Amino acid sequence: MAIPRRYAHILFGVIQAGLTSAVASGIAVLAGPGTAPALQRWLSAWFLSWAMMLPLVVFAAPFIRRAVEALTAD
């Protein structure tokens, strides 16, 4: 039972968003509350998340595309 291929872009987004949010929220949790101002903590957590996600997204995208192709059909 495959998902129609016309929904492939949505499935790609769902998988990518799940991966991104899992890593970013993990980093945010590890960064945790601190004594620095909120904006500084947010910028620090955002930059660390972005720096870790960029290579992950670049390398994961081909695998996600293949998974989407396997999960969808014309």
PDB file of N, CA and C in Angstrom:
ATOM      1  N   MET A   1       0.854  -1.181   0.000  1.00  0.00           N
ATOM      2  CA  MET A   1       0.000   0.000   0.000  1.00  0.00           C
ATOM      3  C   MET A   1       0.896   1.239   0.000  1.00  0.00           C
ATOM      4  N   ALA A   2       0.922   1.925  -1.106  1.00  0.00           N
ATOM      5  CA  ALA A   2       1.788   3.088  -1.256  1.00  0.00           C
ATOM      6  C   ALA A   2       0.962   4.374  -1.260  1.00  0.00           C
ATOM      7  N   ILE A   3       1.622   5.436  -0.933  1.00  0.00           N
ATOM      8  CA  ILE A   3       1.020   6.773  -0.963  1.00  0.00           C
ATOM      9  C   ILE A   3       1.119   7.273  -2.405  1.00  0.00           C
ATOM     10  N   PRO A   4       0.079   7.917  -2.931  1.00  0.00           N
ATOM     11  CA  PRO A   4       0.172   8.438  -4.297  1.00  0.00           C
ATOM     12  C   PRO A   4       1.357   9.401  -4.448  1.00  0.00           C
ATOM     13  N   ARG A   5       2.076   9.270  -5.565  1.00  0.00           N
ATOM     14  CA  ARG A   5       3.277  10.062  -5.806  1.00  0.00           C
ATOM     15  C   ARG A   5       3.005  11.566  -5.791  1.00  0.00           C
ATOM     16  N   ARG A   6       1.792  11.971  -6.068  1.00  0.00           N
ATOM     17  CA  ARG A   6       1.502  13.406  -6.061  1.00  0.00           C
ATOM     18  C   ARG A   6       1.679  14.017  -4.664  1.00  0.00           C
ATOM     19  N   TYR A   7       1.746  13.164  -3.636  1.00  0.00           N
ATOM     20  CA  TYR A   7       1.966  13.642  -2.268  1.00  0.00           C
ATOM     21  C   TYR A   7       3.421  13.497  -1.830  1.00  0.00           C
ATOM     22  N   ALA A   8       4.310  13.199  -2.758  1.00  0.00           N
ATOM     23  CA  ALA A   8       5.719  12.966  -2.420  1.00  0.00           C
ATOM     24  C   ALA A   8       6.346  14.185  -1.747  1.00  0.00           C
ATOM     25  N   HIS A   9       6.045  15.376  -2.231  1.00  0.00           N
ATOM     26  CA  HIS A   9       6.649  16.576  -1.634  1.00  0.00           C
ATOM     27  C   HIS A   9       6.192  16.757  -0.189  1.00  0.00           C
ATOM     28  N   ILE A  10       4.972  16.372   0.111  1.00  0.00           N
ATOM     29  CA  ILE A  10       4.473  16.470   1.489  1.00  0.00           C
ATOM     30  C   ILE A  10       5.177  15.431   2.363  1.00  0.00           C
ATOM     31  N   LEU A  11       5.311  14.218   1.873  1.00  0.00           N
ATOM     32  CA  LEU A  11       5.989  13.164   2.621  1.00  0.00           C
ATOM     33  C   LEU A  11       7.447  13.531   2.875  1.00  0.00           C
ATOM     34  N   PHE A  12       8.110  14.093   1.870  1.00  0.00           N
ATOM     35  CA  PHE A  12       9.491  14.545   2.043  1.00  0.00           C
ATOM     36  C   PHE A  12       9.557  15.573   3.161  1.00  0.00           C
ATOM     37  N   GLY A  13       8.643  16.524   3.148  1.00  0.00           N
ATOM     38  CA  GLY A  13       8.610  17.555   4.185  1.00  0.00           C
ATOM     39  C   GLY A  13       8.360  16.980   5.566  1.00  0.00           C
ATOM     40  N   VAL A  14       7.470  15.997   5.654  1.00  0.00           N
ATOM     41  CA  VAL A  14       7.168  15.372   6.948  1.00  0.00           C
ATOM     42  C   VAL A  14       8.412  14.670   7.499  1.00  0.00           C
ATOM     43  N   ILE A  15       9.098  13.908   6.653  1.00  0.00           N
ATOM     44  CA  ILE A  15      10.299  13.203   7.099  1.00  0.00           C
ATOM     45  C   ILE A  15      11.395  14.193   7.471  1.00  0.00           C
ATOM     46  N   GLN A  16      11.619  15.194   6.625  1.00  0.00           N
ATOM     47  CA  GLN A  16      12.665  16.190   6.879  1.00  0.00           C
ATOM     48  C   GLN A  16      12.362  16.984   8.145  1.00  0.00           C
ATOM     49  N   ALA A  17      11.118  17.388   8.326  1.00  0.00           N
ATOM     50  CA  ALA A  17      10.738  18.148   9.524  1.00  0.00           C
ATOM     51  C   ALA A  17      10.918  17.311  10.782  1.00  0.00           C
ATOM     52  N   GLY A  18      10.576  16.038  10.707  1.00  0.00           N
ATOM     53  CA  GLY A  18      10.760  15.161  11.863  1.00  0.00           C
ATOM     54  C   GLY A  18      12.221  15.034  12.245  1.00  0.00           C
ATOM     55  N   LEU A  19      13.072  14.846  11.255  1.00  0.00           N
ATOM     56  CA  LEU A  19      14.507  14.736  11.502  1.00  0.00           C
ATOM     57  C   LEU A  19      15.059  16.042  12.065  1.00  0.00           C
ATOM     58  N   THR A  20      14.709  17.142  11.439  1.00  0.00           N
ATOM     59  CA  THR A  20      15.203  18.450  11.869  1.00  0.00           C
ATOM     60  C   THR A  20      14.748  18.781  13.280  1.00  0.00           C
ATOM     61  N   SER A  21      13.460  18.601  13.549  1.00  0.00           N
ATOM     62  CA  SER A  21      12.960  18.956  14.871  1.00  0.00           C
ATOM     63  C   SER A  21      13.511  18.046  15.953  1.00  0.00           C
ATOM     64  N   ALA A  22      13.760  16.776  15.643  1.00  0.00           N
ATOM     65  CA  ALA A  22      14.334  15.862  16.624  1.00  0.00           C
ATOM     66  C   ALA A  22      15.735  16.316  17.038  1.00  0.00           C
ATOM     67  N   VAL A  23      16.553  16.656  16.058  1.00  0.00           N
ATOM     68  CA  VAL A  23      17.914  17.097  16.366  1.00  0.00           C
ATOM     69  C   VAL A  23      17.895  18.460  17.053  1.00  0.00           C
ATOM     70  N   ALA A  24      17.128  19.393  16.527  1.00  0.00           N
ATOM     71  CA  ALA A  24      17.098  20.742  17.096  1.00  0.00           C
ATOM     72  C   ALA A  24      16.555  20.746  18.522  1.00  0.00           C
ATOM     73  N   SER A  25      15.503  19.988  18.780  1.00  0.00           N
ATOM     74  CA  SER A  25      14.958  19.971  20.133  1.00  0.00           C
ATOM     75  C   SER A  25      15.915  19.272  21.096  1.00  0.00           C
ATOM     76  N   GLY A  26      16.614  18.257  20.614  1.00  0.00           N
ATOM     77  CA  GLY A  26      17.620  17.606  21.450  1.00  0.00           C
ATOM     78  C   GLY A  26      18.723  18.566  21.849  1.00  0.00           C
ATOM     79  N   ILE A  27      19.168  19.370  20.901  1.00  0.00           N
ATOM     80  CA  ILE A  27      20.203  20.363  21.198  1.00  0.00           C
ATOM     81  C   ILE A  27      19.667  21.409  22.161  1.00  0.00           C
ATOM     82  N   ALA A  28      18.442  21.863  21.943  1.00  0.00           N
ATOM     83  CA  ALA A  28      17.851  22.865  22.826  1.00  0.00           C
ATOM     84  C   ALA A  28      17.711  22.325  24.244  1.00  0.00           C
ATOM     85  N   VAL A  29      17.328  21.065  24.379  1.00  0.00           N
ATOM     86  CA  VAL A  29      17.197  20.461  25.704  1.00  0.00           C
ATOM     87  C   VAL A  29      18.568  20.365  26.374  1.00  0.00           C
ATOM     88  N   LEU A  30      19.565  19.954  25.615  1.00  0.00           N
ATOM     89  CA  LEU A  30      20.907  19.849  26.182  1.00  0.00           C
ATOM     90  C   LEU A  30      21.468  21.213  26.559  1.00  0.00           C
ATOM     91  N   ALA A  31      21.133  22.239  25.772  1.00  0.00           N
ATOM     92  CA  ALA A  31      21.601  23.590  26.086  1.00  0.00           C
ATOM     93  C   ALA A  31      20.982  24.048  27.402  1.00  0.00           C
ATOM     94  N   GLY A  32      19.706  23.695  27.598  1.00  0.00           N
ATOM     95  CA  GLY A  32      19.005  23.955  28.862  1.00  0.00           C
ATOM     96  C   GLY A  32      19.061  25.390  29.342  1.00  0.00           C
ATOM     97  N   PRO A  33      18.415  25.621  30.469  1.00  0.00           N
ATOM     98  CA  PRO A  33      18.430  26.968  31.027  1.00  0.00           C
ATOM     99  C   PRO A  33      19.820  27.316  31.546  1.00  0.00           C
ATOM    100  N   GLY A  34      20.135  28.559  31.450  1.00  0.00           N
ATOM    101  CA  GLY A  34      21.433  29.030  31.928  1.00  0.00           C
ATOM    102  C   GLY A  34      21.286  30.416  32.520  1.00  0.00           C
ATOM    103  N   THR A  35      22.407  31.014  32.816  1.00  0.00           N
ATOM    104  CA  THR A  35      22.366  32.348  33.411  1.00  0.00           C
ATOM    105  C   THR A  35      22.440  33.443  32.355  1.00  0.00           C
ATOM    106  N   ALA A  36      22.752  33.087  31.116  1.00  0.00           N
ATOM    107  CA  ALA A  36      22.835  34.080  30.040  1.00  0.00           C
ATOM    108  C   ALA A  36      21.432  34.564  29.681  1.00  0.00           C
ATOM    109  N   PRO A  37      21.328  35.770  29.097  1.00  0.00           N
ATOM    110  CA  PRO A  37      20.019  36.265  28.654  1.00  0.00           C
ATOM    111  C   PRO A  37      19.368  35.309  27.644  1.00  0.00           C
ATOM    112  N   ALA A  38      18.040  35.316  27.610  1.00  0.00           N
ATOM    113  CA  ALA A  38      17.288  34.389  26.754  1.00  0.00           C
ATOM    114  C   ALA A  38      17.697  34.507  25.287  1.00  0.00           C
ATOM    115  N   LEU A  39      17.866  35.719  24.785  1.00  0.00           N
ATOM    116  CA  LEU A  39      18.238  35.897  23.376  1.00  0.00           C
ATOM    117  C   LEU A  39      19.595  35.251  23.097  1.00  0.00           C
ATOM    118  N   GLN A  40      20.517  35.415  23.997  1.00  0.00           N
ATOM    119  CA  GLN A  40      21.842  34.819  23.818  1.00  0.00           C
ATOM    120  C   GLN A  40      21.756  33.290  23.842  1.00  0.00           C
ATOM    121  N   ARG A  41      20.970  32.721  24.755  1.00  0.00           N
ATOM    122  CA  ARG A  41      20.799  31.259  24.817  1.00  0.00           C
ATOM    123  C   ARG A  41      20.126  30.751  23.554  1.00  0.00           C
ATOM    124  N   TRP A  42      19.093  31.488  23.090  1.00  0.00           N
ATOM    125  CA  TRP A  42      18.390  31.066  21.878  1.00  0.00           C
ATOM    126  C   TRP A  42      19.328  31.104  20.683  1.00  0.00           C
ATOM    127  N   LEU A  43      20.084  32.200  20.524  1.00  0.00           N
ATOM    128  CA  LEU A  43      21.008  32.304  19.392  1.00  0.00           C
ATOM    129  C   LEU A  43      22.059  31.201  19.441  1.00  0.00           C
ATOM    130  N   SER A  44      22.537  30.912  20.625  1.00  0.00           N
ATOM    131  CA  SER A  44      23.532  29.858  20.773  1.00  0.00           C
ATOM    132  C   SER A  44      22.950  28.500  20.387  1.00  0.00           C
ATOM    133  N   ALA A  45      21.755  28.185  20.901  1.00  0.00           N
ATOM    134  CA  ALA A  45      21.108  26.906  20.574  1.00  0.00           C
ATOM    135  C   ALA A  45      20.749  26.852  19.092  1.00  0.00           C
ATOM    136  N   TRP A  46      20.266  27.969  18.528  1.00  0.00           N
ATOM    137  CA  TRP A  46      19.907  27.995  17.108  1.00  0.00           C
ATOM    138  C   TRP A  46      21.138  27.763  16.245  1.00  0.00           C
ATOM    139  N   PHE A  47      22.226  28.451  16.547  1.00  0.00           N
ATOM    140  CA  PHE A  47      23.421  28.313  15.717  1.00  0.00           C
ATOM    141  C   PHE A  47      23.978  26.893  15.795  1.00  0.00           C
ATOM    142  N   LEU A  48      24.012  26.333  16.994  1.00  0.00           N
ATOM    143  CA  LEU A  48      24.499  24.959  17.142  1.00  0.00           C
ATOM    144  C   LEU A  48      23.596  23.992  16.383  1.00  0.00           C
ATOM    145  N   SER A  49      22.279  24.173  16.492  1.00  0.00           N
ATOM    146  CA  SER A  49      21.332  23.320  15.759  1.00  0.00           C
ATOM    147  C   SER A  49      21.532  23.457  14.260  1.00  0.00           C
ATOM    148  N   TRP A  50      21.660  24.692  13.789  1.00  0.00           N
ATOM    149  CA  TRP A  50      21.847  24.930  12.351  1.00  0.00           C
ATOM    150  C   TRP A  50      23.147  24.297  11.873  1.00  0.00           C
ATOM    151  N   ALA A  51      24.214  24.474  12.631  1.00  0.00           N
ATOM    152  CA  ALA A  51      25.515  23.932  12.230  1.00  0.00           C
ATOM    153  C   ALA A  51      25.488  22.404  12.176  1.00  0.00           C
ATOM    154  N   MET A  52      24.723  21.785  13.057  1.00  0.00           N
ATOM    155  CA  MET A  52      24.636  20.328  13.039  1.00  0.00           C
ATOM    156  C   MET A  52      23.658  19.832  11.977  1.00  0.00           C
ATOM    157  N   MET A  53      22.609  20.588  11.721  1.00  0.00           N
ATOM    158  CA  MET A  53      21.590  20.149  10.764  1.00  0.00           C
ATOM    159  C   MET A  53      22.021  20.332   9.320  1.00  0.00           C
ATOM    160  N   LEU A  54      22.810  21.342   9.024  1.00  0.00           N
ATOM    161  CA  LEU A  54      23.190  21.598   7.631  1.00  0.00           C
ATOM    162  C   LEU A  54      23.836  20.372   6.986  1.00  0.00           C
ATOM    163  N   PRO A  55      24.892  19.792   7.559  1.00  0.00           N
ATOM    164  CA  PRO A  55      25.445  18.602   6.907  1.00  0.00           C
ATOM    165  C   PRO A  55      24.484  17.416   6.939  1.00  0.00           C
ATOM    166  N   LEU A  56      23.701  17.305   8.002  1.00  0.00           N
ATOM    167  CA  LEU A  56      22.741  16.207   8.082  1.00  0.00           C
ATOM    168  C   LEU A  56      21.710  16.310   6.961  1.00  0.00           C
ATOM    169  N   VAL A  57      21.198  17.510   6.736  1.00  0.00           N
ATOM    170  CA  VAL A  57      20.210  17.710   5.667  1.00  0.00           C
ATOM    171  C   VAL A  57      20.833  17.427   4.306  1.00  0.00           C
ATOM    172  N   VAL A  58      22.041  17.936   4.088  1.00  0.00           N
ATOM    173  CA  VAL A  58      22.703  17.739   2.795  1.00  0.00           C
ATOM    174  C   VAL A  58      22.927  16.255   2.514  1.00  0.00           C
ATOM    175  N   PHE A  59      23.352  15.511   3.540  1.00  0.00           N
ATOM    176  CA  PHE A  59      23.623  14.090   3.338  1.00  0.00           C
ATOM    177  C   PHE A  59      22.376  13.223   3.442  1.00  0.00           C
ATOM    178  N   ALA A  60      21.378  13.656   4.200  1.00  0.00           N
ATOM    179  CA  ALA A  60      20.169  12.846   4.380  1.00  0.00           C
ATOM    180  C   ALA A  60      19.178  13.007   3.229  1.00  0.00           C
ATOM    181  N   ALA A  61      19.195  14.130   2.542  1.00  0.00           N
ATOM    182  CA  ALA A  61      18.207  14.393   1.489  1.00  0.00           C
ATOM    183  C   ALA A  61      18.134  13.276   0.445  1.00  0.00           C
ATOM    184  N   PRO A  62      19.263  12.762  -0.072  1.00  0.00           N
ATOM    185  CA  PRO A  62      19.150  11.678  -1.061  1.00  0.00           C
ATOM    186  C   PRO A  62      18.485  10.425  -0.483  1.00  0.00           C
ATOM    187  N   PHE A  63      18.763  10.110   0.776  1.00  0.00           N
ATOM    188  CA  PHE A  63      18.149   8.939   1.408  1.00  0.00           C
ATOM    189  C   PHE A  63      16.654   9.168   1.637  1.00  0.00           C
ATOM    190  N   ILE A  64      16.315  10.395   2.014  1.00  0.00           N
ATOM    191  CA  ILE A  64      14.895  10.721   2.204  1.00  0.00           C
ATOM    192  C   ILE A  64      14.161  10.637   0.871  1.00  0.00           C
ATOM    193  N   ARG A  65      14.782  11.145  -0.206  1.00  0.00           N
ATOM    194  CA  ARG A  65      14.147  11.057  -1.534  1.00  0.00           C
ATOM    195  C   ARG A  65      13.901   9.599  -1.917  1.00  0.00           C
ATOM    196  N   ARG A  66      14.898   8.733  -1.670  1.00  0.00           N
ATOM    197  CA  ARG A  66      14.716   7.321  -1.976  1.00  0.00           C
ATOM    198  C   ARG A  66      13.622   6.685  -1.135  1.00  0.00           C
ATOM    199  N   ALA A  67      13.549   7.069   0.131  1.00  0.00           N
ATOM    200  CA  ALA A  67      12.476   6.545   0.996  1.00  0.00           C
ATOM    201  C   ALA A  67      11.124   7.006   0.499  1.00  0.00           C
ATOM    202  N   VAL A  68      11.034   8.259   0.090  1.00  0.00           N
ATOM    203  CA  VAL A  68       9.774   8.798  -0.453  1.00  0.00           C
ATOM    204  C   VAL A  68       9.399   8.047  -1.727  1.00  0.00           C
ATOM    205  N   GLU A  69      10.370   7.805  -2.594  1.00  0.00           N
ATOM    206  CA  GLU A  69      10.093   7.060  -3.821  1.00  0.00           C
ATOM    207  C   GLU A  69       9.594   5.643  -3.517  1.00  0.00           C
ATOM    208  N   ALA A  70      10.164   5.038  -2.489  1.00  0.00           N
ATOM    209  CA  ALA A  70       9.753   3.681  -2.116  1.00  0.00           C
ATOM    210  C   ALA A  70       8.367   3.664  -1.476  1.00  0.00           C
ATOM    211  N   LEU A  71       7.989   4.744  -0.813  1.00  0.00           N
ATOM    212  CA  LEU A  71       6.720   4.817  -0.121  1.00  0.00           C
ATOM    213  C   LEU A  71       5.566   5.335  -0.976  1.00  0.00           C
ATOM    214  N   THR A  72       5.915   5.834  -2.170  1.00  0.00           N
ATOM    215  CA  THR A  72       4.880   6.376  -3.048  1.00  0.00           C
ATOM    216  C   THR A  72       4.830   5.605  -4.362  1.00  0.00           C
ATOM    217  N   ALA A  73       3.728   5.722  -5.038  1.00  0.00           N
ATOM    218  CA  ALA A  73       3.551   5.074  -6.342  1.00  0.00           C
ATOM    219  C   ALA A  73       2.690   5.959  -7.244  1.00  0.00           C
ATOM    220  N   ASP A  74       2.864   5.789  -8.554  1.00  0.00           N
ATOM    221  CA  ASP A  74       2.062   6.551  -9.518  1.00  0.00           C
ATOM    222  C   ASP A  74       0.647   6.065  -9.564  1.00  0.00           C
TER     223      ASP A  74
END
